[in-house]
Every structure is written in structure tokens, then in C-alpha cells.
Amino acid sequence: MDELFTRYMYYERAKQGNKSSTTEALRKFYEKDDYAILKNIQTLDNLSALADFWNDISNQDEERFSKKILRKLFILNYAPNGMWNYFVSVYFMQNKNANNQLDEEKFYNFLDTMIPFIWAYVIYNPGVNALRTLLKITDI
């Protein structure tokens, strides 16, 4: 559950224009303005859609994702940290349609662009938190 709320937090932070590389604690983030984000009726639908999205990725659901998309996601699983999950979560939340689906070609192109960028950046800046600085310079 923590990971789901963390992935959703990155989406909310992106909507707010927050580019800080410092990530605040989950509880502190969600309790702002008397839990305003959690009181929003759309938040539950968004969390459910995000959970289903990641569940389908985890289960390698070929009805939802083509083999070429699943291959790209497989490559990302070997990245030295999980920051890519947050980028993909923000992409999904921003670009999903009314049926919580992504345009396959656009998603493929996003993954195809992101993979070499992440791997090159990690090689150039080794370290577990190296990708965090991308949040400052990248507007997803």
C-alpha cells in the first residue's frame, strides 16, 4: 500500500508543479490541507486505476500490454533503483483514457525513450538516488 500511495504522490506532486528532489514522508504529504487529496472523490478511482495498472504489469497481462511493451518493462526491472516506477506512474495517470488504458504506440515510445536515458544517467551518475535529481530537471 505504501508503494501505491508513493507512486500516486509523485503524480500529485507533478500536478502541483513540485520539482523538488526531496520527497517528504507519505503521511505528511497526504495530511496537508486537512487531507484534501484523500477527501477528493477522484483520488480513490485514481488509486484503483493505478493499482490495476501495476497489477497487470506484475502479472505480465498480455491482454492489456503487447509483448513489445512487456519487454520494455522487463528491461526497466533491472534498473538499479525503482525511480522509473514513479515516472511510469505519472505517465499513466496523465495519459490514460476513460477506460484507464494507454495509447500503445505512445506508451511504447515513452518507454523506448526513457530506457536509454535512465541507463545512461545511471552509468554516468552511479548511486541509488541518482535518478532523484531528474525530478528537478524533467517535466513528465
Protein backbone atom coordinates (compact mmCIF):
# COMPACT_ATOMS: atom_id res chain seq x y z
CA MET A 1 0.00 0.00 0.00
CA ASP A 2 2.84 2.38 0.83
CA GLU A 3 4.29 1.91 -2.65
CA LEU A 4 0.93 2.58 -4.31
CA PHE A 5 0.48 5.79 -2.32
CA THR A 6 4.07 6.80 -3.08
CA ARG A 7 3.56 6.31 -6.81
CA TYR A 8 0.37 8.32 -6.64
CA MET A 9 2.12 11.01 -4.60
CA TYR A 10 4.56 11.58 -7.48
CA TYR A 11 1.61 12.16 -9.80
CA GLU A 12 0.04 14.64 -7.39
CA ARG A 13 3.39 16.38 -6.94
CA ALA A 14 3.76 16.66 -10.73
CA LYS A 15 0.26 18.17 -10.99
CA GLN A 16 1.26 20.69 -8.32
CA GLY A 17 4.42 21.58 -10.26
CA ASN A 18 6.60 20.35 -7.40
CA LYS A 19 10.08 19.69 -8.85
CA SER A 20 11.92 19.27 -5.57
CA SER A 21 14.21 16.26 -5.41
CA THR A 22 13.42 15.99 -1.70
CA THR A 23 10.49 13.68 -1.14
CA GLU A 24 8.51 14.24 2.01
CA ALA A 25 7.04 11.44 4.08
CA LEU A 26 3.80 9.95 2.81
CA ARG A 27 1.73 10.82 5.86
CA LYS A 28 3.00 14.39 5.87
CA PHE A 29 2.20 14.77 2.16
CA TYR A 30 -1.32 13.39 2.40
CA GLU A 31 -2.29 15.16 5.63
CA LYS A 32 -1.74 18.60 4.07
CA ASP A 33 -4.78 20.86 3.99
CA ASP A 34 -6.71 18.55 6.29
CA TYR A 35 -6.24 15.50 3.98
CA ALA A 36 -7.62 17.39 0.96
CA ILE A 37 -6.17 14.95 -1.59
CA LEU A 38 -7.66 11.93 0.16
CA LYS A 39 -11.03 13.65 0.51
CA ASN A 40 -11.22 14.15 -3.24
CA ILE A 41 -13.63 11.53 -4.60
CA GLN A 42 -11.49 11.10 -7.71
CA THR A 43 -8.49 10.01 -5.65
CA LEU A 44 -9.97 6.59 -4.86
CA ASP A 45 -10.71 5.98 -8.56
CA ASN A 46 -7.19 7.10 -9.46
CA LEU A 47 -5.60 4.85 -6.84
CA SER A 48 -7.68 1.92 -8.05
CA ALA A 49 -6.69 2.55 -11.68
CA LEU A 50 -3.03 2.85 -10.72
CA ALA A 51 -3.18 -0.37 -8.65
CA ASP A 52 -4.79 -2.24 -11.56
CA PHE A 53 -2.18 -0.86 -13.96
CA TRP A 54 0.73 -2.10 -11.83
CA ASN A 55 -1.01 -5.40 -11.10
CA ASP A 56 -1.34 -6.01 -14.83
CA ILE A 57 2.34 -5.17 -15.29
CA SER A 58 3.30 -7.53 -12.48
CA ASN A 59 1.18 -10.31 -13.98
CA GLN A 60 2.54 -9.64 -17.49
CA ASP A 61 -1.05 -9.27 -18.72
CA GLU A 62 -0.86 -9.77 -22.50
CA GLU A 63 -4.48 -8.70 -22.90
CA ARG A 64 -3.60 -5.25 -21.65
CA PHE A 65 0.00 -4.92 -22.87
CA SER A 66 1.66 -6.12 -26.04
CA LYS A 67 4.78 -8.24 -25.87
CA LYS A 68 6.90 -5.31 -27.03
CA ILE A 69 5.65 -3.18 -24.10
CA LEU A 70 6.20 -6.03 -21.64
CA ARG A 71 9.78 -6.42 -22.94
CA LYS A 72 10.50 -2.74 -22.26
CA LEU A 73 9.05 -3.02 -18.76
CA PHE A 74 11.15 -6.16 -18.20
CA ILE A 75 14.30 -4.19 -19.08
CA LEU A 76 13.33 -1.47 -16.59
CA ASN A 77 13.01 -4.06 -13.83
CA TYR A 78 16.80 -4.37 -13.95
CA ALA A 79 17.42 -0.67 -13.35
CA PRO A 80 19.50 -0.17 -10.19
CA ASN A 81 16.62 1.58 -8.41
CA GLY A 82 12.87 1.89 -8.72
CA MET A 83 12.59 5.56 -9.63
CA TRP A 84 11.40 4.54 -13.08
CA ASN A 85 8.19 3.27 -11.43
CA TYR A 86 7.34 6.83 -10.46
CA PHE A 87 7.98 8.16 -13.97
CA VAL A 88 5.78 5.43 -15.47
CA SER A 89 3.08 6.02 -12.85
CA VAL A 90 2.96 9.74 -13.62
CA TYR A 91 2.88 8.95 -17.34
CA PHE A 92 0.00 6.53 -16.85
CA MET A 93 -2.03 8.88 -14.68
CA GLN A 94 -1.52 11.78 -17.08
CA ASN A 95 -2.19 9.88 -20.30
CA LYS A 96 -4.77 7.18 -19.50
CA ASN A 97 -8.08 7.32 -21.29
CA ALA A 98 -11.57 6.98 -19.78
CA ASN A 99 -11.10 3.18 -19.73
CA ASN A 100 -7.77 3.50 -17.90
CA GLN A 101 -5.86 2.40 -20.98
CA LEU A 102 -2.84 3.95 -22.66
CA ASP A 103 -2.24 4.50 -26.34
CA GLU A 104 0.11 1.62 -27.09
CA GLU A 105 2.39 3.38 -29.58
CA LYS A 106 2.77 6.48 -27.42
CA PHE A 107 3.48 4.36 -24.33
CA TYR A 108 6.00 2.29 -26.27
CA ASN A 109 7.72 5.45 -27.50
CA PHE A 110 7.81 6.82 -23.94
CA LEU A 111 9.41 3.61 -22.64
CA ASP A 112 11.75 3.44 -25.62
CA THR A 113 12.95 6.98 -24.89
CA MET A 114 13.11 6.55 -21.14
CA ILE A 115 15.16 3.33 -21.06
CA PRO A 116 18.37 4.61 -22.67
CA PHE A 117 18.06 7.88 -20.78
CA ILE A 118 17.80 6.10 -17.42
CA TRP A 119 20.59 3.66 -18.15
CA ALA A 120 22.91 6.35 -19.47
CA TYR A 121 22.18 8.57 -16.50
CA VAL A 122 22.76 5.73 -14.03
CA ILE A 123 26.08 4.85 -15.68
CA TYR A 124 27.16 8.50 -15.66
CA ASN A 125 25.89 9.13 -12.09
CA PRO A 126 26.09 5.83 -10.21
CA GLY A 127 24.28 5.58 -6.92
CA VAL A 128 20.92 4.52 -5.62
CA ASN A 129 19.48 8.04 -5.55
CA ALA A 130 21.00 9.26 -8.82
CA LEU A 131 17.67 9.39 -10.65
CA ARG A 132 16.09 11.59 -7.98
CA THR A 133 17.82 14.64 -9.42
CA LEU A 134 15.97 14.01 -12.67
CA LEU A 135 12.80 15.11 -10.93
CA LYS A 136 14.24 18.60 -10.81
CA ILE A 137 15.16 18.75 -14.48
CA THR A 138 12.50 16.57 -16.06
CA ASP A 139 8.90 17.63 -16.56
CA ILE A 140 6.98 14.41 -17.25
